[in-house]
Amino acid sequence: MGYTNVALKDKIREMYPEIVRHDISVSLDFDRAKKTYLVKFTKDNHELTTHIEKKDADECMDGIKCVYLGIQIGQFINNFEERK
C-alpha cells in the first residue's frame, strides 16, 4: 500500500479527533531499517515518541484504528491534563 507521511499523519488526526481537540502537534518519519513509523506528539513542553508498525499504519489508512496508538494518545493527554 502506497501513501505519504502527510497522508498517514492526516489519517491519524482524523481517526483520533482528540489530537486536534487538544491542539497536539504530530510529526512522523518512516524508519526503513525497522519498517516502522516513528510518531512524535507534542503539546507545550510535553512530548511523546512512539511507533507504529507498517502493518498497523496500513490498517490505519484503511480506517482500522490501532488500539496501541489510541492508548498512547489517551495516556499522553491524561499526563498533561493532570499537570494543569
N, C-alpha and C. Protein backbone atom coordinates (compact mmCIF):
# COMPACT_ATOMS: atom_id res chain seq x y z
N MET A 1 0.85 -1.18 0.00
CA MET A 1 0.00 0.00 0.00
C MET A 1 0.89 1.24 0.00
N GLY A 2 0.64 2.15 -0.92
CA GLY A 2 1.45 3.35 -1.02
C GLY A 2 0.69 4.57 -0.49
N TYR A 3 1.35 5.32 0.38
CA TYR A 3 0.80 6.57 0.89
C TYR A 3 1.96 7.39 1.43
N THR A 4 1.71 8.67 1.59
CA THR A 4 2.77 9.56 2.08
C THR A 4 2.69 9.70 3.60
N ASN A 5 3.77 10.22 4.17
CA ASN A 5 3.77 10.50 5.60
C ASN A 5 2.68 11.51 5.95
N VAL A 6 2.49 12.49 5.08
CA VAL A 6 1.46 13.51 5.31
C VAL A 6 0.07 12.86 5.33
N ALA A 7 -0.18 11.95 4.41
CA ALA A 7 -1.48 11.27 4.36
C ALA A 7 -1.71 10.45 5.63
N LEU A 8 -0.67 9.77 6.10
CA LEU A 8 -0.80 8.98 7.33
C LEU A 8 -1.04 9.89 8.53
N LYS A 9 -0.31 10.97 8.60
CA LYS A 9 -0.49 11.93 9.70
C LYS A 9 -1.91 12.49 9.69
N ASP A 10 -2.41 12.84 8.52
CA ASP A 10 -3.79 13.36 8.40
C ASP A 10 -4.80 12.30 8.83
N LYS A 11 -4.56 11.05 8.45
CA LYS A 11 -5.47 9.96 8.81
C LYS A 11 -5.48 9.74 10.32
N ILE A 12 -4.31 9.81 10.95
CA ILE A 12 -4.23 9.66 12.41
C ILE A 12 -5.04 10.77 13.08
N ARG A 13 -4.89 12.00 12.61
CA ARG A 13 -5.66 13.12 13.17
C ARG A 13 -7.16 12.91 12.98
N GLU A 14 -7.53 12.39 11.82
CA GLU A 14 -8.95 12.14 11.53
C GLU A 14 -9.51 11.06 12.46
N MET A 15 -8.75 9.99 12.66
CA MET A 15 -9.24 8.86 13.45
C MET A 15 -9.21 9.12 14.95
N TYR A 16 -8.36 10.03 15.37
CA TYR A 16 -8.23 10.35 16.79
C TYR A 16 -8.45 11.86 16.96
N PRO A 17 -9.71 12.31 16.92
CA PRO A 17 -10.02 13.74 16.95
C PRO A 17 -9.54 14.45 18.22
N GLU A 18 -9.25 13.69 19.27
CA GLU A 18 -8.75 14.32 20.49
C GLU A 18 -7.40 15.00 20.26
N ILE A 19 -6.67 14.56 19.23
CA ILE A 19 -5.40 15.21 18.88
C ILE A 19 -5.65 16.67 18.49
N VAL A 20 -6.63 16.88 17.64
CA VAL A 20 -6.97 18.23 17.19
C VAL A 20 -7.63 19.01 18.33
N ARG A 21 -8.53 18.35 19.04
CA ARG A 21 -9.26 19.00 20.14
C ARG A 21 -8.31 19.53 21.21
N HIS A 22 -7.21 18.83 21.47
CA HIS A 22 -6.24 19.24 22.49
C HIS A 22 -5.04 19.98 21.88
N ASP A 23 -5.14 20.32 20.61
CA ASP A 23 -4.09 21.09 19.92
C ASP A 23 -2.71 20.43 20.07
N ILE A 24 -2.67 19.14 19.78
CA ILE A 24 -1.42 18.37 19.86
C ILE A 24 -0.80 18.32 18.48
N SER A 25 0.49 18.62 18.41
CA SER A 25 1.23 18.53 17.14
C SER A 25 1.66 17.09 16.91
N VAL A 26 1.62 16.68 15.65
CA VAL A 26 2.02 15.32 15.28
C VAL A 26 3.08 15.40 14.20
N SER A 27 4.16 14.66 14.38
CA SER A 27 5.14 14.51 13.31
C SER A 27 5.48 13.03 13.22
N LEU A 28 5.87 12.61 12.03
CA LEU A 28 6.24 11.20 11.88
C LEU A 28 7.26 11.03 10.77
N ASP A 29 8.05 9.98 10.93
CA ASP A 29 9.06 9.60 9.95
C ASP A 29 9.07 8.09 9.85
N PHE A 30 9.38 7.60 8.66
CA PHE A 30 9.47 6.15 8.47
C PHE A 30 10.91 5.71 8.69
N ASP A 31 11.09 4.71 9.54
CA ASP A 31 12.40 4.11 9.79
C ASP A 31 12.50 2.88 8.89
N ARG A 32 13.24 3.01 7.80
CA ARG A 32 13.33 1.93 6.81
C ARG A 32 13.96 0.66 7.40
N ALA A 33 14.95 0.83 8.26
CA ALA A 33 15.64 -0.33 8.84
C ALA A 33 14.69 -1.16 9.70
N LYS A 34 13.86 -0.49 10.49
CA LYS A 34 12.94 -1.18 11.40
C LYS A 34 11.55 -1.38 10.80
N LYS A 35 11.30 -0.75 9.66
CA LYS A 35 10.00 -0.82 8.98
C LYS A 35 8.86 -0.40 9.91
N THR A 36 9.10 0.72 10.60
CA THR A 36 8.09 1.30 11.48
C THR A 36 8.05 2.81 11.26
N TYR A 37 6.93 3.39 11.63
CA TYR A 37 6.80 4.84 11.62
C TYR A 37 7.05 5.33 13.04
N LEU A 38 7.97 6.27 13.19
CA LEU A 38 8.21 6.91 14.47
C LEU A 38 7.30 8.12 14.54
N VAL A 39 6.47 8.16 15.57
CA VAL A 39 5.46 9.21 15.70
C VAL A 39 5.76 10.03 16.95
N LYS A 40 5.77 11.34 16.79
CA LYS A 40 6.01 12.23 17.93
C LYS A 40 4.81 13.14 18.11
N PHE A 41 4.28 13.13 19.34
CA PHE A 41 3.19 14.02 19.73
C PHE A 41 3.78 15.08 20.65
N THR A 42 3.42 16.34 20.40
CA THR A 42 3.95 17.44 21.19
C THR A 42 2.82 18.38 21.59
N LYS A 43 2.85 18.77 22.86
CA LYS A 43 1.88 19.75 23.39
C LYS A 43 2.63 20.57 24.43
N ASP A 44 2.80 21.87 24.17
CA ASP A 44 3.57 22.75 25.04
C ASP A 44 4.95 22.14 25.26
N ASN A 45 5.32 21.88 26.50
CA ASN A 45 6.64 21.28 26.76
C ASN A 45 6.56 19.77 26.98
N HIS A 46 5.43 19.16 26.64
CA HIS A 46 5.24 17.72 26.78
C HIS A 46 5.47 17.04 25.43
N GLU A 47 6.09 15.89 25.47
CA GLU A 47 6.40 15.17 24.23
C GLU A 47 6.30 13.66 24.45
N LEU A 48 5.75 12.99 23.48
CA LEU A 48 5.68 11.53 23.50
C LEU A 48 6.15 11.03 22.14
N THR A 49 7.11 10.13 22.14
CA THR A 49 7.55 9.48 20.91
C THR A 49 7.17 8.02 21.01
N THR A 50 6.51 7.52 20.00
CA THR A 50 6.10 6.12 19.95
C THR A 50 6.30 5.63 18.52
N HIS A 51 5.85 4.44 18.24
CA HIS A 51 5.99 3.92 16.87
C HIS A 51 4.72 3.20 16.44
N ILE A 52 4.58 3.09 15.14
CA ILE A 52 3.50 2.32 14.53
C ILE A 52 4.15 1.35 13.55
N GLU A 53 3.87 0.09 13.72
CA GLU A 53 4.36 -0.90 12.77
C GLU A 53 3.75 -0.63 11.40
N LYS A 54 4.45 -0.96 10.36
CA LYS A 54 3.98 -0.73 8.99
C LYS A 54 2.61 -1.36 8.78
N LYS A 55 2.41 -2.57 9.28
CA LYS A 55 1.12 -3.26 9.15
C LYS A 55 0.01 -2.44 9.80
N ASP A 56 0.26 -1.91 11.00
CA ASP A 56 -0.74 -1.08 11.69
C ASP A 56 -1.00 0.22 10.93
N ALA A 57 0.05 0.82 10.37
CA ALA A 57 -0.12 2.03 9.58
C ALA A 57 -0.98 1.75 8.34
N ASP A 58 -0.74 0.61 7.69
CA ASP A 58 -1.55 0.22 6.54
C ASP A 58 -3.01 0.08 6.93
N GLU A 59 -3.26 -0.56 8.08
CA GLU A 59 -4.63 -0.73 8.55
C GLU A 59 -5.26 0.61 8.91
N CYS A 60 -4.47 1.49 9.49
CA CYS A 60 -4.95 2.84 9.82
C CYS A 60 -5.43 3.54 8.54
N MET A 61 -4.65 3.43 7.48
CA MET A 61 -5.03 4.05 6.21
C MET A 61 -6.30 3.43 5.64
N ASP A 62 -6.60 2.18 6.04
CA ASP A 62 -7.83 1.51 5.62
C ASP A 62 -9.00 1.80 6.57
N GLY A 63 -8.76 2.66 7.59
CA GLY A 63 -9.82 3.04 8.51
C GLY A 63 -9.93 2.18 9.75
N ILE A 64 -8.95 1.33 10.00
CA ILE A 64 -8.96 0.47 11.19
C ILE A 64 -8.10 1.13 12.26
N LYS A 65 -8.72 1.42 13.42
CA LYS A 65 -7.98 2.08 14.50
C LYS A 65 -6.94 1.14 15.10
N CYS A 66 -5.81 1.72 15.43
CA CYS A 66 -4.74 0.99 16.09
C CYS A 66 -4.93 1.18 17.60
N VAL A 67 -5.28 0.11 18.30
CA VAL A 67 -5.55 0.18 19.73
C VAL A 67 -4.34 0.71 20.49
N TYR A 68 -3.16 0.20 20.15
CA TYR A 68 -1.92 0.63 20.81
C TYR A 68 -1.74 2.14 20.70
N LEU A 69 -1.92 2.69 19.52
CA LEU A 69 -1.76 4.12 19.31
C LEU A 69 -2.81 4.91 20.09
N GLY A 70 -4.03 4.44 20.08
CA GLY A 70 -5.10 5.10 20.83
C GLY A 70 -4.81 5.16 22.31
N ILE A 71 -4.26 4.10 22.87
CA ILE A 71 -3.89 4.08 24.29
C ILE A 71 -2.77 5.08 24.55
N GLN A 72 -1.77 5.12 23.66
CA GLN A 72 -0.67 6.06 23.81
C GLN A 72 -1.16 7.50 23.79
N ILE A 73 -2.05 7.81 22.87
CA ILE A 73 -2.60 9.16 22.77
C ILE A 73 -3.38 9.51 24.04
N GLY A 74 -4.22 8.59 24.49
CA GLY A 74 -5.01 8.81 25.70
C GLY A 74 -4.14 9.06 26.91
N GLN A 75 -3.08 8.27 27.07
CA GLN A 75 -2.18 8.44 28.20
C GLN A 75 -1.45 9.78 28.11
N PHE A 76 -1.04 10.15 26.91
CA PHE A 76 -0.37 11.43 26.72
C PHE A 76 -1.28 12.58 27.14
N ILE A 77 -2.51 12.55 26.71
CA ILE A 77 -3.47 13.60 27.07
C ILE A 77 -3.69 13.62 28.58
N ASN A 78 -3.86 12.45 29.18
CA ASN A 78 -4.05 12.38 30.63
C ASN A 78 -2.86 12.97 31.38
N ASN A 79 -1.66 12.70 30.92
CA ASN A 79 -0.47 13.20 31.61
C ASN A 79 -0.42 14.71 31.66
N PHE A 80 -0.69 15.39 30.55
CA PHE A 80 -0.60 16.85 30.62
C PHE A 80 -1.86 17.47 31.21
N GLU A 81 -3.01 16.81 31.12
CA GLU A 81 -4.23 17.31 31.74
C GLU A 81 -4.10 17.29 33.26
N GLU A 82 -3.48 16.24 33.81
CA GLU A 82 -3.32 16.11 35.25
C GLU A 82 -2.39 17.19 35.81
N ARG A 83 -1.48 17.68 35.01
CA ARG A 83 -0.49 18.65 35.48
C ARG A 83 -1.00 20.08 35.45
N LYS A 84 -2.18 20.30 34.87
CA LYS A 84 -2.72 21.66 34.77
C LYS A 84 -3.18 22.16 36.12
